[in-house]
Amino acid sequence: MFRTFMALFLVFMAQGLLWAGEFNWGVKYGMGSSSLHGEEANYELHYDIARVGLNPPDFGYLKVRSFETKGDLSYQAGAYCSVPLFRNHDSVSLQTELLWHRYAFSHEFKDAALNTNQIVLATAFEDTLRGRIDKTLDYVTVPILIRMNQELPPEKLDKSYQGAFVYFGPSFSVLLNNDTAYQKGVKALEQKLEDEYNDGVVYTYRKVESGTDKLSALKADIVIGAGFAVKDIFKMGLCKDEFVFDVRFTASLNDLGDTPFRNSFNLRSIMLSIGSRL
């Protein structure tokens, strides 16, 4: 699927060459915020406990729910290209991009009640949990956007301001990386599960995967944005000395979890970007 996205990007670039001087391309970088919405906003940390030597070995469970997910910084970087479709008083163009997009968020536990069905486990662990689970998700993303551009009269084209634009369209992503880091009490809880306690009795555990622990490989989004272009900022001949500033909103269209538990959630981001035409 990643090869398909790369092929789409190259096809649009090749198509742009047919327009010769009308073909625009460049690089861009963006930073903003990301957030998670849906069932996983109330993340459940769940461990099934087994006691070594018991037959059957199943002994009980430990579970705790976060009830809060906090968004974090989001980043984008990559290349873009655009070609005109038609032009009148204003113009419409087709723009595609090849981006690395990082989402980040945290499941927060603030004195969350730790539940169990075994008195032995209730006495071995604290009643509440404070800590967090930090998640970092990396995608390769290909937006395919319809862009409507403000066309300036010829007498204004030599000015710095080069017009505004709005755009919208779908985006398709492939998951590259899903990193998880346990912090404070959550890390201590998992460490204790690995230790021996209660007069040397040994327990083993299995973590029940929740939605954000395992994600679907593919993600589809809707992208909406607006921005403006300027030129001759530095007056130093830096590349074409043309820059594009835009803000965009991205929201997932499909549920992202790939586990039997709490799959119905999506990601959103708001991004401020700067691009340089090459």
C-alpha atoms as a PDB file:
ATOM      1  CA  MET A   1       0.000   0.000   0.000  1.00  0.00           C
ATOM      2  CA  PHE A   2       2.889   2.364   0.716  1.00  0.00           C
ATOM      3  CA  ARG A   3       4.121   1.755  -2.837  1.00  0.00           C
ATOM      4  CA  THR A   4       0.668   2.686  -4.107  1.00  0.00           C
ATOM      5  CA  PHE A   5       0.808   6.024  -2.283  1.00  0.00           C
ATOM      6  CA  MET A   6       4.302   6.688  -3.646  1.00  0.00           C
ATOM      7  CA  ALA A   7       3.090   5.867  -7.150  1.00  0.00           C
ATOM      8  CA  LEU A   8       0.162   8.287  -6.781  1.00  0.00           C
ATOM      9  CA  PHE A   9       2.497  11.054  -5.691  1.00  0.00           C
ATOM     10  CA  LEU A  10       4.867  10.454  -8.605  1.00  0.00           C
ATOM     11  CA  VAL A  11       1.963  10.315 -11.074  1.00  0.00           C
ATOM     12  CA  PHE A  12       0.754  13.751  -9.970  1.00  0.00           C
ATOM     13  CA  MET A  13       4.288  15.136 -10.194  1.00  0.00           C
ATOM     14  CA  ALA A  14       4.678  13.717 -13.690  1.00  0.00           C
ATOM     15  CA  GLN A  15       1.308  15.147 -14.660  1.00  0.00           C
ATOM     16  CA  GLY A  16       2.469  18.541 -13.486  1.00  0.00           C
ATOM     17  CA  LEU A  17       5.433  18.464 -15.827  1.00  0.00           C
ATOM     18  CA  LEU A  18       2.975  18.523 -18.718  1.00  0.00           C
ATOM     19  CA  TRP A  19       2.042  22.055 -17.632  1.00  0.00           C
ATOM     20  CA  ALA A  20       5.705  23.156 -17.757  1.00  0.00           C
ATOM     21  CA  GLY A  21       5.849  26.549 -16.008  1.00  0.00           C
ATOM     22  CA  GLU A  22       2.446  25.959 -14.381  1.00  0.00           C
ATOM     23  CA  PHE A  23       3.813  23.134 -12.254  1.00  0.00           C
ATOM     24  CA  ASN A  24       4.568  24.134  -8.632  1.00  0.00           C
ATOM     25  CA  TRP A  25       6.389  22.054  -6.102  1.00  0.00           C
ATOM     26  CA  GLY A  26       8.293  22.502  -2.874  1.00  0.00           C
ATOM     27  CA  VAL A  27       8.887  21.371   0.682  1.00  0.00           C
ATOM     28  CA  LYS A  28       6.898  22.116   3.826  1.00  0.00           C
ATOM     29  CA  TYR A  29       7.005  21.735   7.594  1.00  0.00           C
ATOM     30  CA  GLY A  30       4.177  22.051  10.090  1.00  0.00           C
ATOM     31  CA  MET A  31       3.553  21.965  13.817  1.00  0.00           C
ATOM     32  CA  GLY A  32       0.336  21.950  15.810  1.00  0.00           C
ATOM     33  CA  SER A  33      -1.717  19.839  18.192  1.00  0.00           C
ATOM     34  CA  SER A  34      -3.212  16.367  17.990  1.00  0.00           C
ATOM     35  CA  SER A  35      -6.016  14.728  19.947  1.00  0.00           C
ATOM     36  CA  LEU A  36      -7.869  11.439  20.270  1.00  0.00           C
ATOM     37  CA  HIS A  37     -11.673  11.172  20.263  1.00  0.00           C
ATOM     38  CA  GLY A  38     -14.054   8.282  20.917  1.00  0.00           C
ATOM     39  CA  GLU A  39     -14.051   5.256  23.223  1.00  0.00           C
ATOM     40  CA  GLU A  40     -10.315   5.321  23.914  1.00  0.00           C
ATOM     41  CA  ALA A  41     -10.620   8.727  25.582  1.00  0.00           C
ATOM     42  CA  ASN A  42     -11.495   6.494  28.568  1.00  0.00           C
ATOM     43  CA  TYR A  43      -8.564   4.106  28.249  1.00  0.00           C
ATOM     44  CA  GLU A  44      -8.710   0.902  30.288  1.00  0.00           C
ATOM     45  CA  LEU A  45      -5.501  -0.688  31.550  1.00  0.00           C
ATOM     46  CA  HIS A  46      -6.343  -4.360  32.114  1.00  0.00           C
ATOM     47  CA  TYR A  47      -4.161  -7.284  33.243  1.00  0.00           C
ATOM     48  CA  ASP A  48      -5.240 -10.919  33.533  1.00  0.00           C
ATOM     49  CA  ILE A  49      -3.287 -12.553  36.371  1.00  0.00           C
ATOM     50  CA  ALA A  50      -2.242 -16.220  36.560  1.00  0.00           C
ATOM     51  CA  ARG A  51      -0.655 -17.928  39.564  1.00  0.00           C
ATOM     52  CA  VAL A  52       2.197 -20.283  38.770  1.00  0.00           C
ATOM     53  CA  GLY A  53       1.432 -23.798  40.049  1.00  0.00           C
ATOM     54  CA  LEU A  54      -2.353 -23.446  40.119  1.00  0.00           C
ATOM     55  CA  ASN A  55      -4.515 -25.666  37.943  1.00  0.00           C
ATOM     56  CA  PRO A  56      -6.241 -23.943  36.242  1.00  0.00           C
ATOM     57  CA  PRO A  57      -3.736 -21.067  36.430  1.00  0.00           C
ATOM     58  CA  ASP A  58      -6.264 -18.225  36.021  1.00  0.00           C
ATOM     59  CA  PHE A  59      -6.308 -16.288  39.245  1.00  0.00           C
ATOM     60  CA  GLY A  60      -7.911 -12.864  38.743  1.00  0.00           C
ATOM     61  CA  TYR A  61      -7.555  -9.495  37.098  1.00  0.00           C
ATOM     62  CA  LEU A  62      -6.407  -5.942  37.715  1.00  0.00           C
ATOM     63  CA  LYS A  63      -7.967  -3.090  35.805  1.00  0.00           C
ATOM     64  CA  VAL A  64      -8.071   0.683  35.990  1.00  0.00           C
ATOM     65  CA  ARG A  65      -9.616   3.294  33.704  1.00  0.00           C
ATOM     66  CA  SER A  66      -7.997   6.634  32.884  1.00  0.00           C
ATOM     67  CA  PHE A  67     -11.160   8.668  32.048  1.00  0.00           C
ATOM     68  CA  GLU A  68      -8.939  11.341  30.450  1.00  0.00           C
ATOM     69  CA  THR A  69      -6.760  11.593  27.351  1.00  0.00           C
ATOM     70  CA  LYS A  70      -4.623  14.686  26.859  1.00  0.00           C
ATOM     71  CA  GLY A  71      -3.492  15.836  23.409  1.00  0.00           C
ATOM     72  CA  ASP A  72       0.090  16.764  22.603  1.00  0.00           C
ATOM     73  CA  LEU A  73       2.184  18.323  19.827  1.00  0.00           C
ATOM     74  CA  SER A  74       1.788  17.116  16.266  1.00  0.00           C
ATOM     75  CA  TYR A  75       4.286  17.477  13.403  1.00  0.00           C
ATOM     76  CA  GLN A  76       4.343  17.206   9.621  1.00  0.00           C
ATOM     77  CA  ALA A  77       7.191  17.373   7.112  1.00  0.00           C
ATOM     78  CA  GLY A  78       7.493  16.506   3.447  1.00  0.00           C
ATOM     79  CA  ALA A  79       6.987  17.689  -0.114  1.00  0.00           C
ATOM     80  CA  TYR A  80       4.057  19.028  -2.123  1.00  0.00           C
ATOM     81  CA  CYS A  81       3.210  19.608  -5.773  1.00  0.00           C
ATOM     82  CA  SER A  82       0.267  21.291  -7.484  1.00  0.00           C
ATOM     83  CA  VAL A  83      -0.999  21.658 -11.036  1.00  0.00           C
ATOM     84  CA  PRO A  84      -3.778  23.928 -12.356  1.00  0.00           C
ATOM     85  CA  LEU A  85      -7.068  22.444 -13.483  1.00  0.00           C
ATOM     86  CA  PHE A  86      -8.675  25.626 -14.842  1.00  0.00           C
ATOM     87  CA  ARG A  87      -8.371  29.375 -14.428  1.00  0.00           C
ATOM     88  CA  ASN A  88     -10.849  32.237 -14.730  1.00  0.00           C
ATOM     89  CA  HIS A  89     -11.169  35.168 -12.317  1.00  0.00           C
ATOM     90  CA  ASP A  90      -9.907  32.700  -9.738  1.00  0.00           C
ATOM     91  CA  SER A  91      -8.331  29.300 -10.314  1.00  0.00           C
ATOM     92  CA  VAL A  92      -8.656  25.713  -9.181  1.00  0.00           C
ATOM     93  CA  SER A  93      -5.690  23.407  -8.866  1.00  0.00           C
ATOM     94  CA  LEU A  94      -4.963  19.860  -7.797  1.00  0.00           C
ATOM     95  CA  GLN A  95      -2.428  19.510  -4.973  1.00  0.00           C
ATOM     96  CA  THR A  96      -0.889  16.364  -3.586  1.00  0.00           C
ATOM     97  CA  GLU A  97       1.656  15.919  -0.818  1.00  0.00           C
ATOM     98  CA  LEU A  98       3.916  13.230   0.570  1.00  0.00           C
ATOM     99  CA  LEU A  99       4.242  13.787   4.330  1.00  0.00           C
ATOM    100  CA  TRP A 100       5.501  12.261   7.536  1.00  0.00           C
ATOM    101  CA  HIS A 101       2.837  13.026  10.162  1.00  0.00           C
ATOM    102  CA  ARG A 102       3.304  12.458  13.903  1.00  0.00           C
ATOM    103  CA  TYR A 103       0.442  12.354  16.404  1.00  0.00           C
ATOM    104  CA  ALA A 104       1.026  12.355  20.169  1.00  0.00           C
ATOM    105  CA  PHE A 105      -1.284  12.072  23.177  1.00  0.00           C
ATOM    106  CA  SER A 106      -1.319  10.698  26.734  1.00  0.00           C
ATOM    107  CA  HIS A 107      -3.760   8.557  28.709  1.00  0.00           C
ATOM    108  CA  GLU A 108      -3.816  10.217  32.152  1.00  0.00           C
ATOM    109  CA  PHE A 109      -4.437   8.374  35.444  1.00  0.00           C
ATOM    110  CA  LYS A 110      -5.139  10.732  38.369  1.00  0.00           C
ATOM    111  CA  ASP A 111      -5.908   8.737  41.508  1.00  0.00           C
ATOM    112  CA  ALA A 112      -7.829   6.272  39.347  1.00  0.00           C
ATOM    113  CA  ALA A 113      -9.408   3.383  41.270  1.00  0.00           C
ATOM    114  CA  LEU A 114      -7.656   0.039  40.795  1.00  0.00           C
ATOM    115  CA  ASN A 115     -10.210  -2.788  40.583  1.00  0.00           C
ATOM    116  CA  THR A 116      -9.710  -6.526  41.132  1.00  0.00           C
ATOM    117  CA  ASN A 117     -11.784  -9.634  41.843  1.00  0.00           C
ATOM    118  CA  GLN A 118      -9.253 -11.159  44.280  1.00  0.00           C
ATOM    119  CA  ILE A 119      -8.616 -10.072  47.861  1.00  0.00           C
ATOM    120  CA  VAL A 120      -4.992 -11.229  47.590  1.00  0.00           C
ATOM    121  CA  LEU A 121      -4.419  -8.826  44.707  1.00  0.00           C
ATOM    122  CA  ALA A 122      -6.310  -6.055  46.501  1.00  0.00           C
ATOM    123  CA  THR A 123      -3.883  -6.235  49.426  1.00  0.00           C
ATOM    124  CA  ALA A 124      -0.787  -6.535  47.209  1.00  0.00           C
ATOM    125  CA  PHE A 125      -1.462  -3.387  45.139  1.00  0.00           C
ATOM    126  CA  GLU A 126      -2.368   0.201  45.927  1.00  0.00           C
ATOM    127  CA  ASP A 127      -6.029   1.221  45.773  1.00  0.00           C
ATOM    128  CA  THR A 128      -5.416   4.048  43.271  1.00  0.00           C
ATOM    129  CA  LEU A 129      -3.055   4.760  40.410  1.00  0.00           C
ATOM    130  CA  ARG A 130      -1.329   7.978  39.368  1.00  0.00           C
ATOM    131  CA  GLY A 131       0.643   8.104  36.127  1.00  0.00           C
ATOM    132  CA  ARG A 132       0.211   8.166  32.394  1.00  0.00           C
ATOM    133  CA  ILE A 133       0.738   6.273  29.151  1.00  0.00           C
ATOM    134  CA  ASP A 134       2.398   8.349  26.412  1.00  0.00           C
ATOM    135  CA  LYS A 135       1.547   7.389  22.825  1.00  0.00           C
ATOM    136  CA  THR A 136       3.403   8.483  19.679  1.00  0.00           C
ATOM    137  CA  LEU A 137       2.044   7.502  16.250  1.00  0.00           C
ATOM    138  CA  ASP A 138       3.907   8.064  12.971  1.00  0.00           C
ATOM    139  CA  TYR A 139       2.265   7.879   9.540  1.00  0.00           C
ATOM    140  CA  VAL A 140       3.251   8.334   5.912  1.00  0.00           C
ATOM    141  CA  THR A 141       0.426  10.446   4.500  1.00  0.00           C
ATOM    142  CA  VAL A 142      -0.692  11.352   0.974  1.00  0.00           C
ATOM    143  CA  PRO A 143      -3.364  14.108   0.846  1.00  0.00           C
ATOM    144  CA  ILE A 144      -5.100  14.671  -2.510  1.00  0.00           C
ATOM    145  CA  LEU A 145      -6.564  18.172  -2.368  1.00  0.00           C
ATOM    146  CA  ILE A 146      -8.712  20.456  -4.494  1.00  0.00           C
ATOM    147  CA  ARG A 147      -7.300  23.957  -4.011  1.00  0.00           C
ATOM    148  CA  MET A 148      -9.184  27.157  -4.918  1.00  0.00           C
ATOM    149  CA  ASN A 149      -6.821  30.099  -5.417  1.00  0.00           C
ATOM    150  CA  GLN A 150      -7.307  33.853  -5.411  1.00  0.00           C
ATOM    151  CA  GLU A 151      -5.957  35.267  -8.690  1.00  0.00           C
ATOM    152  CA  LEU A 152      -4.453  38.770  -8.504  1.00  0.00           C
ATOM    153  CA  PRO A 153      -4.620  41.335 -11.319  1.00  0.00           C
ATOM    154  CA  PRO A 154      -1.336  41.736 -13.267  1.00  0.00           C
ATOM    155  CA  GLU A 155      -0.476  45.082 -11.608  1.00  0.00           C
ATOM    156  CA  LYS A 156      -0.359  43.398  -8.183  1.00  0.00           C
ATOM    157  CA  LEU A 157       1.733  40.373  -9.113  1.00  0.00           C
ATOM    158  CA  ASP A 158       5.004  42.190  -8.460  1.00  0.00           C
ATOM    159  CA  LYS A 159       4.003  42.787  -4.836  1.00  0.00           C
ATOM    160  CA  SER A 160       4.973  40.469  -1.983  1.00  0.00           C
ATOM    161  CA  TYR A 161       1.454  39.183  -1.336  1.00  0.00           C
ATOM    162  CA  GLN A 162       0.523  36.537  -3.918  1.00  0.00           C
ATOM    163  CA  GLY A 163      -3.043  35.681  -2.948  1.00  0.00           C
ATOM    164  CA  ALA A 164      -4.991  33.430  -0.592  1.00  0.00           C
ATOM    165  CA  PHE A 165      -6.405  29.960  -1.075  1.00  0.00           C
ATOM    166  CA  VAL A 166      -8.627  27.317   0.520  1.00  0.00           C
ATOM    167  CA  TYR A 167      -8.488  23.570   0.002  1.00  0.00           C
ATOM    168  CA  PHE A 168     -10.173  20.316   0.945  1.00  0.00           C
ATOM    169  CA  GLY A 169      -9.954  16.656   0.103  1.00  0.00           C
ATOM    170  CA  PRO A 170      -9.163  13.158   1.340  1.00  0.00           C
ATOM    171  CA  SER A 171      -5.893  11.924   2.773  1.00  0.00           C
ATOM    172  CA  PHE A 172      -4.599   8.357   2.954  1.00  0.00           C
ATOM    173  CA  SER A 173      -2.027   7.167   5.490  1.00  0.00           C
ATOM    174  CA  VAL A 174       0.069   4.117   6.318  1.00  0.00           C
ATOM    175  CA  LEU A 175       1.096   3.492   9.934  1.00  0.00           C
ATOM    176  CA  LEU A 176       4.863   3.480  10.409  1.00  0.00           C
ATOM    177  CA  ASN A 177       5.253   3.377  14.164  1.00  0.00           C
ATOM    178  CA  ASN A 178       3.189   3.049  17.352  1.00  0.00           C
ATOM    179  CA  ASP A 179       5.327   3.827  20.411  1.00  0.00           C
ATOM    180  CA  THR A 180       4.159   3.455  24.007  1.00  0.00           C
ATOM    181  CA  ALA A 181       5.929   4.744  27.140  1.00  0.00           C
ATOM    182  CA  TYR A 182       4.690   4.076  30.684  1.00  0.00           C
ATOM    183  CA  GLN A 183       5.297   6.865  33.200  1.00  0.00           C
ATOM    184  CA  LYS A 184       5.290   7.056  37.015  1.00  0.00           C
ATOM    185  CA  GLY A 185       2.657   4.850  38.664  1.00  0.00           C
ATOM    186  CA  VAL A 186       1.816   2.930  35.487  1.00  0.00           C
ATOM    187  CA  LYS A 187       5.445   1.963  35.032  1.00  0.00           C
ATOM    188  CA  ALA A 188       5.687   0.966  38.717  1.00  0.00           C
ATOM    189  CA  LEU A 189       2.552  -1.171  38.424  1.00  0.00           C
ATOM    190  CA  GLU A 190       3.920  -3.155  35.500  1.00  0.00           C
ATOM    191  CA  GLN A 191       7.259  -3.565  37.263  1.00  0.00           C
ATOM    192  CA  LYS A 192       5.521  -4.950  40.356  1.00  0.00           C
ATOM    193  CA  LEU A 193       3.614  -7.428  38.223  1.00  0.00           C
ATOM    194  CA  GLU A 194       6.969  -8.847  37.157  1.00  0.00           C
ATOM    195  CA  ASP A 195       8.153  -9.329  40.775  1.00  0.00           C
ATOM    196  CA  GLU A 196       7.525 -12.063  43.308  1.00  0.00           C
ATOM    197  CA  TYR A 197       5.396 -11.160  46.328  1.00  0.00           C
ATOM    198  CA  ASN A 198       3.137 -12.699  48.989  1.00  0.00           C
ATOM    199  CA  ASP A 199       5.667 -15.090  50.568  1.00  0.00           C
ATOM    200  CA  GLY A 200       7.368 -16.019  47.328  1.00  0.00           C
ATOM    201  CA  VAL A 201       4.284 -16.956  45.338  1.00  0.00           C
ATOM    202  CA  VAL A 202       4.902 -16.138  41.664  1.00  0.00           C
ATOM    203  CA  TYR A 203       2.301 -14.580  39.410  1.00  0.00           C
ATOM    204  CA  THR A 204       2.394 -14.080  35.650  1.00  0.00           C
ATOM    205  CA  TYR A 205       0.264 -11.587  33.751  1.00  0.00           C
ATOM    206  CA  ARG A 206      -1.110 -10.855  30.306  1.00  0.00           C
ATOM    207  CA  LYS A 207      -2.063  -7.343  29.275  1.00  0.00           C
ATOM    208  CA  VAL A 208      -5.426  -7.157  27.502  1.00  0.00           C
ATOM    209  CA  GLU A 209      -4.879  -4.914  24.460  1.00  0.00           C
ATOM    210  CA  SER A 210      -7.045  -1.829  24.268  1.00  0.00           C
ATOM    211  CA  GLY A 211      -7.745   0.180  21.109  1.00  0.00           C
ATOM    212  CA  THR A 212      -4.605   2.328  20.928  1.00  0.00           C
ATOM    213  CA  ASP A 213      -2.320  -0.623  21.755  1.00  0.00           C
ATOM    214  CA  LYS A 214      -2.775  -2.028  18.258  1.00  0.00           C
ATOM    215  CA  LEU A 215      -3.840   0.153  15.323  1.00  0.00           C
ATOM    216  CA  SER A 216      -5.096  -0.505  11.822  1.00  0.00           C
ATOM    217  CA  ALA A 217      -2.331  -0.203   9.240  1.00  0.00           C
ATOM    218  CA  LEU A 218      -4.341   2.193   7.059  1.00  0.00           C
ATOM    219  CA  LYS A 219      -6.042   5.467   7.909  1.00  0.00           C
ATOM    220  CA  ALA A 220      -8.312   7.700   5.814  1.00  0.00           C
ATOM    221  CA  ASP A 221      -8.863  11.374   6.694  1.00  0.00           C
ATOM    222  CA  ILE A 222     -10.648  14.495   5.572  1.00  0.00           C
ATOM    223  CA  VAL A 223      -8.441  17.578   5.250  1.00  0.00           C
ATOM    224  CA  ILE A 224      -9.693  21.196   5.247  1.00  0.00           C
ATOM    225  CA  GLY A 225      -7.399  24.217   5.189  1.00  0.00           C
ATOM    226  CA  ALA A 226      -6.640  27.765   4.097  1.00  0.00           C
ATOM    227  CA  GLY A 227      -3.578  29.923   3.632  1.00  0.00           C
ATOM    228  CA  PHE A 228      -1.763  32.542   1.579  1.00  0.00           C
ATOM    229  CA  ALA A 229       1.419  32.903  -0.468  1.00  0.00           C
ATOM    230  CA  VAL A 230       4.122  35.587  -0.400  1.00  0.00           C
ATOM    231  CA  LYS A 231       7.341  36.187  -2.346  1.00  0.00           C
ATOM    232  CA  ASP A 232      10.497  38.298  -2.202  1.00  0.00           C
ATOM    233  CA  ILE A 233      10.660  38.161   1.598  1.00  0.00           C
ATOM    234  CA  PHE A 234      14.424  37.866   1.866  1.00  0.00           C
ATOM    235  CA  LYS A 235      15.307  39.403  -1.536  1.00  0.00           C
ATOM    236  CA  MET A 236      18.337  37.125  -1.577  1.00  0.00           C
ATOM    237  CA  GLY A 237      17.338  34.711  -4.337  1.00  0.00           C
ATOM    238  CA  LEU A 238      16.745  31.922  -1.817  1.00  0.00           C
ATOM    239  CA  CYS A 239      15.267  29.146  -3.986  1.00  0.00           C
ATOM    240  CA  LYS A 240      12.392  31.015  -5.634  1.00  0.00           C
ATOM    241  CA  ASP A 241      11.946  33.149  -2.499  1.00  0.00           C
ATOM    242  CA  GLU A 242       8.278  32.151  -2.491  1.00  0.00           C
ATOM    243  CA  PHE A 243       6.640  30.870   0.689  1.00  0.00           C
ATOM    244  CA  VAL A 244       3.238  29.458   1.524  1.00  0.00           C
ATOM    245  CA  PHE A 245       1.639  29.649   4.985  1.00  0.00           C
ATOM    246  CA  ASP A 246      -1.439  27.595   5.788  1.00  0.00           C
ATOM    247  CA  VAL A 247      -3.493  26.163   8.634  1.00  0.00           C
ATOM    248  CA  ARG A 248      -5.313  22.854   8.270  1.00  0.00           C
ATOM    249  CA  PHE A 249      -7.648  20.574  10.154  1.00  0.00           C
ATOM    250  CA  THR A 250      -7.355  16.797   9.710  1.00  0.00           C
ATOM    251  CA  ALA A 251      -9.837  14.237  11.062  1.00  0.00           C
ATOM    252  CA  SER A 252      -9.921  10.448  10.715  1.00  0.00           C
ATOM    253  CA  LEU A 253     -12.807   8.939   8.786  1.00  0.00           C
ATOM    254  CA  ASN A 254     -12.375   5.323   9.924  1.00  0.00           C
ATOM    255  CA  ASP A 255     -12.104   3.660  13.335  1.00  0.00           C
ATOM    256  CA  LEU A 256      -8.439   3.045  14.069  1.00  0.00           C
ATOM    257  CA  GLY A 257      -8.304   0.268  16.661  1.00  0.00           C
ATOM    258  CA  ASP A 258      -7.411  -3.272  15.603  1.00  0.00           C
ATOM    259  CA  THR A 259      -8.206  -5.177  18.811  1.00  0.00           C
ATOM    260  CA  PRO A 260     -11.431  -6.816  20.045  1.00  0.00           C
ATOM    261  CA  PHE A 261     -11.758  -4.122  22.718  1.00  0.00           C
ATOM    262  CA  ARG A 262     -12.601  -0.390  22.391  1.00  0.00           C
ATOM    263  CA  ASN A 263     -11.838   0.085  18.691  1.00  0.00           C
ATOM    264  CA  SER A 264     -14.175   3.000  18.005  1.00  0.00           C
ATOM    265  CA  PHE A 265     -11.947   6.077  18.119  1.00  0.00           C
ATOM    266  CA  ASN A 266     -10.245   8.492  15.739  1.00  0.00           C
ATOM    267  CA  LEU A 267      -7.461  11.072  15.579  1.00  0.00           C
ATOM    268  CA  ARG A 268      -7.625  14.785  14.810  1.00  0.00           C
ATOM    269  CA  SER A 269      -5.000  17.470  14.351  1.00  0.00           C
ATOM    270  CA  ILE A 270      -4.731  21.204  13.739  1.00  0.00           C
ATOM    271  CA  MET A 271      -1.529  22.208  11.972  1.00  0.00           C
ATOM    272  CA  LEU A 272       0.195  25.480  11.064  1.00  0.00           C
ATOM    273  CA  SER A 273       2.632  24.974   8.172  1.00  0.00           C
ATOM    274  CA  ILE A 274       5.189  26.881   6.141  1.00  0.00           C
ATOM    275  CA  GLY A 275       6.212  25.765   2.669  1.00  0.00           C
ATOM    276  CA  SER A 276       8.986  26.905   0.348  1.00  0.00           C
ATOM    277  CA  ARG A 277       8.586  26.667  -3.397  1.00  0.00           C
ATOM    278  CA  LEU A 278      11.541  25.064  -5.180  1.00  0.00           C
END
